Protein backbone atom coordinates (compact mmCIF):
# COMPACT_ATOMS: atom_id res chain seq x y z
CA UNK A 1 68.97 185.27 42.34
CA UNK A 2 65.30 185.18 42.51
CA UNK A 3 63.61 184.08 45.74
CA UNK A 4 62.00 181.16 43.91
CA UNK A 5 65.33 179.83 42.68
CA UNK A 6 66.87 180.27 46.13
CA UNK A 7 64.06 178.28 47.73
CA UNK A 8 64.44 175.55 45.11
CA UNK A 9 68.19 175.21 45.77
CA UNK A 10 67.62 175.07 49.54
CA UNK A 11 64.97 172.37 49.06
CA UNK A 12 67.30 170.35 46.86
CA UNK A 13 70.08 170.68 49.43
CA UNK A 14 67.76 169.49 52.18
CA UNK A 15 66.62 166.52 50.09
CA UNK A 16 70.26 165.59 49.30
CA UNK A 17 71.18 165.81 52.97
CA UNK A 18 68.23 163.65 53.97
CA UNK A 19 69.11 161.09 51.28
CA UNK A 20 72.70 161.04 52.51
CA UNK A 21 71.56 160.52 56.08
CA UNK A 22 69.16 157.78 55.00
CA UNK A 23 71.93 155.96 53.08
CA UNK A 24 74.32 156.36 56.01
CA UNK A 25 71.98 154.82 58.52
CA UNK A 26 70.67 152.08 56.21
CA UNK A 27 73.96 151.12 54.57
CA UNK A 28 75.25 147.52 55.20
CA UNK A 29 77.51 147.52 58.24
CA UNK A 30 80.95 145.91 57.88
CA UNK A 31 81.10 142.34 59.25
CA UNK A 32 83.62 141.68 61.99
CA UNK A 33 85.82 138.77 60.94
CA UNK A 34 88.88 137.00 62.28
CA UNK A 35 91.74 137.08 59.78
CA UNK A 36 95.02 135.23 59.68
CA UNK A 37 98.11 136.40 57.82
CA UNK A 38 99.55 133.84 55.44
CA UNK A 39 103.06 132.74 56.44
CA UNK A 40 105.66 130.15 55.60
CA UNK A 41 106.25 127.18 57.88
CA UNK A 42 106.05 123.42 58.31
CA UNK A 43 103.09 121.34 57.15
CA UNK A 44 102.59 117.70 58.02
CA UNK A 45 100.26 115.14 56.57
CA UNK A 46 99.01 112.95 59.40
CA UNK A 47 96.17 110.70 60.49
CA UNK A 48 94.89 110.07 64.01
CA UNK A 49 92.98 107.35 65.80
CA UNK A 50 89.19 107.30 65.53
CA UNK A 51 88.61 106.40 69.19
CA UNK A 52 90.79 106.78 72.26
CA UNK A 53 93.75 104.45 72.41
CA UNK A 54 95.06 102.76 75.55
CA UNK A 55 98.38 102.39 77.33
CA UNK A 56 99.15 98.66 77.39
CA UNK A 57 101.88 96.54 78.97
CA UNK A 58 104.16 94.46 76.77
CA UNK A 59 103.59 91.57 79.21
CA UNK A 60 100.32 91.10 81.05
CA UNK A 61 98.73 87.87 82.17
CA UNK A 62 95.53 87.09 84.01
CA UNK A 63 96.27 83.99 86.05
CA UNK A 64 93.86 81.34 87.28
CA UNK A 65 94.51 77.90 88.68
CA UNK A 66 93.73 75.00 86.36
CA UNK A 67 91.45 73.43 88.93
CA UNK A 68 89.10 75.00 91.44
CA UNK A 69 89.45 74.86 95.19
CA UNK A 70 89.61 76.71 98.49
CA UNK A 71 92.36 79.33 98.73
CA UNK A 72 94.81 78.25 101.42
CA UNK A 73 97.63 80.75 100.84
CA UNK A 74 97.95 84.20 99.29
CA UNK A 75 101.59 85.16 99.47
CA UNK A 76 101.16 88.56 97.75
CA UNK A 77 98.81 91.52 97.86
CA UNK A 78 97.75 94.06 95.27
CA UNK A 79 100.58 96.42 94.36
CA UNK A 80 103.37 93.98 95.30
CA UNK A 81 106.29 93.55 92.94
CA UNK A 82 107.18 89.93 92.32
CA UNK A 83 109.98 88.00 90.67
CA UNK A 84 109.68 85.32 88.04
CA UNK A 85 108.94 81.94 89.67
CA UNK A 86 107.68 83.45 92.94
CA UNK A 87 104.71 81.67 94.57
CA UNK A 88 101.59 83.83 94.34
CA UNK A 89 98.70 81.64 95.46
CA UNK A 90 98.02 78.08 96.64
CA UNK A 91 94.76 76.16 96.94
CA UNK A 92 94.07 73.48 99.53
CA UNK A 93 95.63 70.26 98.23
CA UNK A 94 96.31 68.10 101.32
CA UNK A 95 94.71 65.12 99.60
CA UNK A 96 97.09 65.43 96.68
CA UNK A 97 100.06 65.79 99.01
CA UNK A 98 98.98 62.59 100.76
CA UNK A 99 98.81 60.82 97.40
CA UNK A 100 102.28 62.13 96.60
CA UNK A 101 103.67 60.85 99.92
CA UNK A 102 102.09 57.44 99.31
CA UNK A 103 103.58 57.27 95.81
CA UNK A 104 107.04 58.19 97.10
CA UNK A 105 106.78 55.44 99.74
CA UNK A 106 105.81 52.97 97.03
CA UNK A 107 108.89 54.02 95.04
CA UNK A 108 111.13 53.35 98.04
CA UNK A 109 109.56 49.91 98.62
CA UNK A 110 109.83 49.04 94.93
CA UNK A 111 113.52 49.94 94.89
CA UNK A 112 114.15 47.60 97.82
CA UNK A 113 112.36 44.85 95.94
CA UNK A 114 114.60 45.56 92.96
CA UNK A 115 117.68 45.06 95.15
CA UNK A 116 116.30 41.77 96.45
CA UNK A 117 115.08 40.41 93.11
CA UNK A 118 118.18 41.41 91.18
CA UNK A 119 120.47 39.94 93.85
CA UNK A 120 118.58 36.64 93.62
CA UNK A 121 118.80 36.80 89.82
CA UNK A 122 122.56 37.31 89.93
CA UNK A 123 122.96 34.39 92.34
CA UNK A 124 120.79 32.14 90.17
CA UNK A 125 122.85 33.04 87.09
CA UNK A 126 126.05 32.12 88.90
CA UNK A 127 124.50 28.82 90.03
CA UNK A 128 123.44 28.09 86.45
CA UNK A 129 127.02 28.67 85.35
CA UNK A 130 128.32 26.20 87.96
CA UNK A 131 125.75 23.58 86.98
CA UNK A 132 126.76 23.95 83.33
CA UNK A 133 130.43 23.32 84.25
CA UNK A 134 129.53 20.22 86.27
CA UNK A 135 127.45 18.81 83.42
CA UNK A 136 130.36 19.21 81.01
CA UNK A 137 132.45 17.09 83.38
CA UNK A 138 129.67 14.49 83.59
CA UNK A 139 128.90 15.02 87.28
CA UNK A 140 125.22 16.03 86.77
CA UNK A 141 122.53 15.36 84.26
CA UNK A 142 121.38 17.68 81.49
CA UNK A 143 117.99 18.14 83.12
CA UNK A 144 119.67 19.44 86.27
CA UNK A 145 121.57 22.00 84.21
CA UNK A 146 118.40 23.10 82.37
CA UNK A 147 116.56 23.44 85.65
CA UNK A 148 119.28 25.76 86.99
CA UNK A 149 119.24 27.84 83.77
CA UNK A 150 115.43 28.16 83.91
CA UNK A 151 115.65 29.30 87.52
CA UNK A 152 118.18 31.96 86.53
CA UNK A 153 115.95 33.27 83.74
CA UNK A 154 112.95 33.45 86.08
CA UNK A 155 114.95 35.35 88.68
CA UNK A 156 116.17 37.80 86.03
CA UNK A 157 112.57 38.35 84.88
CA UNK A 158 111.58 39.07 88.48
CA UNK A 159 114.42 41.62 88.66
CA UNK A 160 113.22 43.34 85.49
CA UNK A 161 109.61 43.33 86.77
CA UNK A 162 110.72 44.97 90.00
CA UNK A 163 112.52 47.69 88.01
CA UNK A 164 109.34 48.26 85.99
CA UNK A 165 107.43 48.67 89.24
CA UNK A 166 109.88 51.41 90.26
CA UNK A 167 109.32 53.25 86.97
CA UNK A 168 105.56 52.92 87.42
CA UNK A 169 105.59 54.38 90.93
CA UNK A 170 107.97 57.17 89.88
CA UNK A 171 105.50 58.08 87.12
CA UNK A 172 102.77 58.10 89.77
CA UNK A 173 104.86 60.53 91.84
CA UNK A 174 105.21 62.80 88.80
CA UNK A 175 101.47 62.57 88.18
CA UNK A 176 100.72 63.70 91.74
CA UNK A 177 103.13 66.61 91.32
CA UNK A 178 101.30 67.63 88.15
CA UNK A 179 98.02 67.51 90.05
CA UNK A 180 99.51 69.68 92.78
CA UNK A 181 100.68 72.10 90.08
CA UNK A 182 97.05 72.64 89.16
CA UNK A 183 96.45 74.21 92.57
CA UNK A 184 99.31 76.73 92.71
CA UNK A 185 100.19 79.91 90.82
CA UNK A 186 103.74 81.11 90.19
CA UNK A 187 104.77 84.40 88.57
CA UNK A 188 105.70 83.74 84.91
CA UNK A 189 107.73 86.99 84.77
CA UNK A 190 108.85 89.93 86.91
CA UNK A 191 105.99 92.36 87.42
CA UNK A 192 103.47 94.02 89.69
CA UNK A 193 100.28 92.47 91.04
CA UNK A 194 97.45 94.63 89.69
CA UNK A 195 94.44 92.83 91.11
CA UNK A 196 93.56 89.79 93.21
CA UNK A 197 90.13 88.17 93.14
CA UNK A 198 89.46 86.14 96.29
CA UNK A 199 90.62 85.89 99.87
CA UNK A 200 92.09 83.09 101.99
CA UNK A 201 89.32 80.59 102.70
CA UNK A 202 87.23 81.53 99.68
CA UNK A 203 86.64 79.22 96.75
CA UNK A 204 88.55 80.02 93.57
CA UNK A 205 86.97 78.95 90.29
CA UNK A 206 88.93 78.63 87.03
CA UNK A 207 87.57 80.06 83.80
CA UNK A 208 86.00 77.32 81.67
CA UNK A 209 85.89 77.85 77.90
CA UNK A 210 83.23 80.33 76.87
CA UNK A 211 82.53 81.56 80.41
CA UNK A 212 83.85 84.94 81.56
CA UNK A 213 85.18 84.42 85.06
CA UNK A 214 87.45 87.02 86.69
CA UNK A 215 91.06 85.78 86.93
CA UNK A 216 92.50 85.08 90.35
CA UNK A 217 95.54 87.34 89.82
CA UNK A 218 96.21 90.03 87.22
CA UNK A 219 99.98 90.41 86.75
CA UNK A 220 101.52 93.29 84.77
CA UNK A 221 105.08 93.96 83.64
CA UNK A 222 105.02 97.77 83.68
CA UNK A 223 108.67 98.10 82.68
CA UNK A 224 107.65 97.95 79.00
CA UNK A 225 104.65 99.92 77.75
CA UNK A 226 103.13 100.72 74.35
CA UNK A 227 100.04 102.42 72.95
CA UNK A 228 97.29 100.51 71.20
CA UNK A 229 95.00 102.72 69.10
CA UNK A 230 92.21 102.04 66.57
CA UNK A 231 92.63 103.65 63.14
CA UNK A 232 89.94 103.97 60.50
CA UNK A 233 90.08 101.14 57.95
CA UNK A 234 90.33 103.75 55.16
CA UNK A 235 93.63 105.00 56.63
CA UNK A 236 95.09 101.56 57.36
CA UNK A 237 96.88 101.11 53.97
CA UNK A 238 98.86 104.31 54.64
CA UNK A 239 100.32 103.03 57.92
CA UNK A 240 103.52 100.99 58.02
CA UNK A 241 105.74 99.83 60.91
CA UNK A 242 108.57 102.28 61.53
CA UNK A 243 106.62 105.46 60.72
CA UNK A 244 107.01 108.32 63.24
CA UNK A 245 104.09 109.21 65.50
CA UNK A 246 103.14 111.76 68.11
CA UNK A 247 101.61 110.36 71.29
CA UNK A 248 99.45 112.43 73.61
CA UNK A 249 97.82 111.37 76.88
CA UNK A 250 94.84 112.80 78.70
CA UNK A 251 96.74 112.36 81.95
CA UNK A 252 99.53 114.65 80.66
CA UNK A 253 97.72 117.55 78.93
CA UNK A 254 99.50 119.94 76.54
CA UNK A 255 102.34 117.45 76.04
CA UNK A 256 103.22 115.13 73.19
CA UNK A 257 105.87 112.47 72.86
CA UNK A 258 107.71 111.14 69.84
CA UNK A 259 107.23 107.50 68.99
CA UNK A 260 107.22 104.88 66.26
CA UNK A 261 104.64 102.53 64.77
CA UNK A 262 105.57 99.08 66.04
CA UNK A 263 102.81 96.91 64.57
CA UNK A 264 99.74 97.14 62.35
CA UNK A 265 97.07 94.51 62.97
CA UNK A 266 96.59 92.11 60.02
CA UNK A 267 92.80 92.24 60.29
CA UNK A 268 89.90 94.69 60.63
CA UNK A 269 87.93 94.92 63.88
CA UNK A 270 84.18 95.17 63.44
CA UNK A 271 82.72 96.48 66.71
CA UNK A 272 78.94 96.63 66.83
CA UNK A 273 77.52 100.11 66.08
CA UNK A 274 81.00 101.52 65.44
CA UNK A 275 83.16 102.05 62.39
CA UNK A 276 85.48 99.28 61.27
CA UNK A 277 88.98 99.94 62.51
CA UNK A 278 92.50 98.53 62.39
CA UNK A 279 94.47 98.47 65.63
CA UNK A 280 98.04 99.74 65.60
CA UNK A 281 100.72 99.60 68.28
CA UNK A 282 103.13 102.48 68.88
CA UNK A 283 106.11 102.69 71.21
CA UNK A 284 107.73 105.73 72.81
CA UNK A 285 110.99 106.90 71.26
CA UNK A 286 112.20 107.74 74.78
CA UNK A 287 110.32 105.41 77.16
CA UNK A 288 111.37 107.37 80.27
CA UNK A 289 110.24 110.76 78.92
CA UNK A 290 106.54 110.55 79.93
CA UNK A 291 107.49 109.45 83.44
CA UNK A 292 105.42 106.94 85.38
CA UNK A 293 102.45 105.79 83.31
CA UNK A 294 99.62 103.53 84.41
CA UNK A 295 98.38 100.71 82.23
CA UNK A 296 94.93 101.69 80.98
CA UNK A 297 95.59 105.42 80.52
CA UNK A 298 93.77 106.81 77.47
CA UNK A 299 96.06 108.00 74.68
CA UNK A 300 95.94 109.36 71.14
CA UNK A 301 98.33 108.50 68.32
CA UNK A 302 98.96 110.79 65.35
CA UNK A 303 100.80 108.99 62.54
CA UNK A 304 102.97 111.37 60.51
CA UNK A 305 102.82 110.40 56.84
CA UNK A 306 104.85 113.25 55.26
CA UNK A 307 106.52 116.54 56.28
CA UNK A 308 107.39 119.66 54.26
CA UNK A 309 109.27 122.63 55.72
CA UNK A 310 109.23 126.33 54.79
CA UNK A 311 106.17 126.23 52.55
CA UNK A 312 103.32 128.73 52.17
CA UNK A 313 100.53 127.50 54.43
CA UNK A 314 96.97 128.50 55.23
CA UNK A 315 94.96 127.60 58.35
CA UNK A 316 92.79 124.63 57.49
CA UNK A 317 89.89 126.41 59.22
CA UNK A 318 90.02 129.06 56.45
CA UNK A 319 89.26 126.59 53.64
CA UNK A 320 85.85 126.44 51.98
CA UNK A 321 84.57 123.55 49.89
CA UNK A 322 86.34 123.25 46.57
CA UNK A 323 89.66 124.70 47.76
CA UNK A 324 88.33 128.25 48.11
CA UNK A 325 89.28 130.93 50.64
CA UNK A 326 88.05 134.42 51.46
CA UNK A 327 90.88 136.94 51.23
CA UNK A 328 90.67 140.18 53.21
CA UNK A 329 91.10 142.76 50.43
CA UNK A 330 92.80 146.13 50.88
CA UNK A 331 89.62 147.87 49.73
CA UNK A 332 87.75 146.66 52.82
CA UNK A 333 85.79 143.88 51.11
CA UNK A 334 86.18 140.10 51.05
CA UNK A 335 87.46 138.45 47.90
CA UNK A 336 86.86 134.80 47.04
CA UNK A 337 89.84 132.95 45.61
CA UNK A 338 90.45 129.36 44.53
CA UNK A 339 93.80 127.90 45.58
CA UNK A 340 95.75 124.74 44.84
CA UNK A 341 96.62 122.78 47.97
CA UNK A 342 99.19 120.14 48.91
CA UNK A 343 99.80 118.42 52.25
CA UNK A 344 97.19 119.08 54.91
CA UNK A 345 96.26 118.34 58.50
CA UNK A 346 93.66 119.66 60.91
CA UNK A 347 95.76 122.79 61.62
CA UNK A 348 97.51 123.86 58.38
CA UNK A 349 97.24 123.17 54.64
CA UNK A 350 100.07 123.68 52.17
CA UNK A 351 99.37 126.27 49.42
CA UNK A 352 100.87 125.43 46.03
CA UNK A 353 99.16 128.21 44.03
CA UNK A 354 96.79 131.10 44.66
CA UNK A 355 98.13 132.78 47.81
CA UNK A 356 101.32 134.55 48.80
CA UNK A 357 102.90 135.06 52.19
CA UNK A 358 101.64 138.27 53.78
CA UNK A 359 98.08 138.09 52.46
CA UNK A 360 95.27 137.68 54.98
CA UNK A 361 92.47 135.10 54.94
CA UNK A 362 89.27 134.82 56.96
CA UNK A 363 89.09 132.01 59.53
CA UNK A 364 85.69 132.88 61.06
CA UNK A 365 83.71 131.42 58.17
CA UNK A 366 80.83 130.35 60.40
CA UNK A 367 79.66 133.92 61.03
CA UNK A 368 76.49 135.19 59.35
CA UNK A 369 77.10 137.35 56.30
CA UNK A 370 80.68 136.28 55.68
CA UNK A 371 80.82 135.97 51.90
CA UNK A 372 82.60 137.34 48.85
CA UNK A 373 82.03 141.07 48.32
CA UNK A 374 80.98 141.78 51.91
CA UNK A 375 82.57 144.71 53.72
CA UNK A 376 84.55 143.68 56.76
CA UNK A 377 86.42 144.87 59.79
CA UNK A 378 89.27 142.73 61.04
CA UNK A 379 89.22 141.57 64.64
CA UNK A 380 92.53 141.10 66.41
CA UNK A 381 93.56 137.46 66.49
CA UNK A 382 93.19 135.92 69.92
CA UNK A 383 96.39 134.92 71.64
CA UNK A 384 97.22 131.25 71.68
CA UNK A 385 95.69 130.58 68.29
């Protein structure tokens, strides 16, 4: 081999080596992606509330006296458990009690007058009967008989008037009792006193129409609780009483409780600057399971519309617009594939066509450079996901 040819071959080898090195260092580096193996499992179709729901009591009343006045007696304090009919609060009403005492005295006096007037009426009626017998025998004149009969009728009228006076004074007694009822509060059901506004000696004011005044006593029956949650108006037609739900509470993280839709509001709430919603009520399937709950806890309700078991499912996070996914190919590149989907929720989507169990799809779609045809390296899936 001539020296010239040898030098040419060496030069070509050097150029090829340099080109290989240049390609190696400038080649596109594989993109690290998170992949998830397709498996079979359960997929649910569900909808959730748009804003936080609230734990509510089946019975809750905010009590105020009908009339205003100075608080004379508070027989309970916040946190006390009370029984139905128990006295909670009383305003000063000595004037009304005095009126009641006067009315009762008038009733007693009127009844005595009834006894007197009716006794006189009975005596006059007997006398009229005797006078009538004497006139028939010719011993007295007709005018004498008529006078006796007139006297009997007048006495009977006085008896009836006295009875009417009794009824009038008894009605007055009832009226004073009604007035006294305006100044006292009794528990309408068994419950717990949540809040009291006012102290003994302070003036308690009732809530007139259209004026927001704090109630004197807030009474809650915490033996029966439910969840009230706002659902988007678009989802409202899908919700029916009796559907199963999952209830979660911020106070009890990483737990969920089975429940049932109890009621769907028959109207749409339009809150200013917020989406229109429909309130639903859900009850716990096992009321004792969550333990002691406080009225006012925030809660979320997930209404389960449909369930399918043992179906091919893909993480919902792996879906692109138009029902497309990126499949991690065996050749080290990403392949775009269009699939047909079925039931879906925020976690999993049912795959009807386009994927098989065992294939792997990319879930880290937000990373730069993740697209069909790109080389990839698979990152290990983080535990707990």
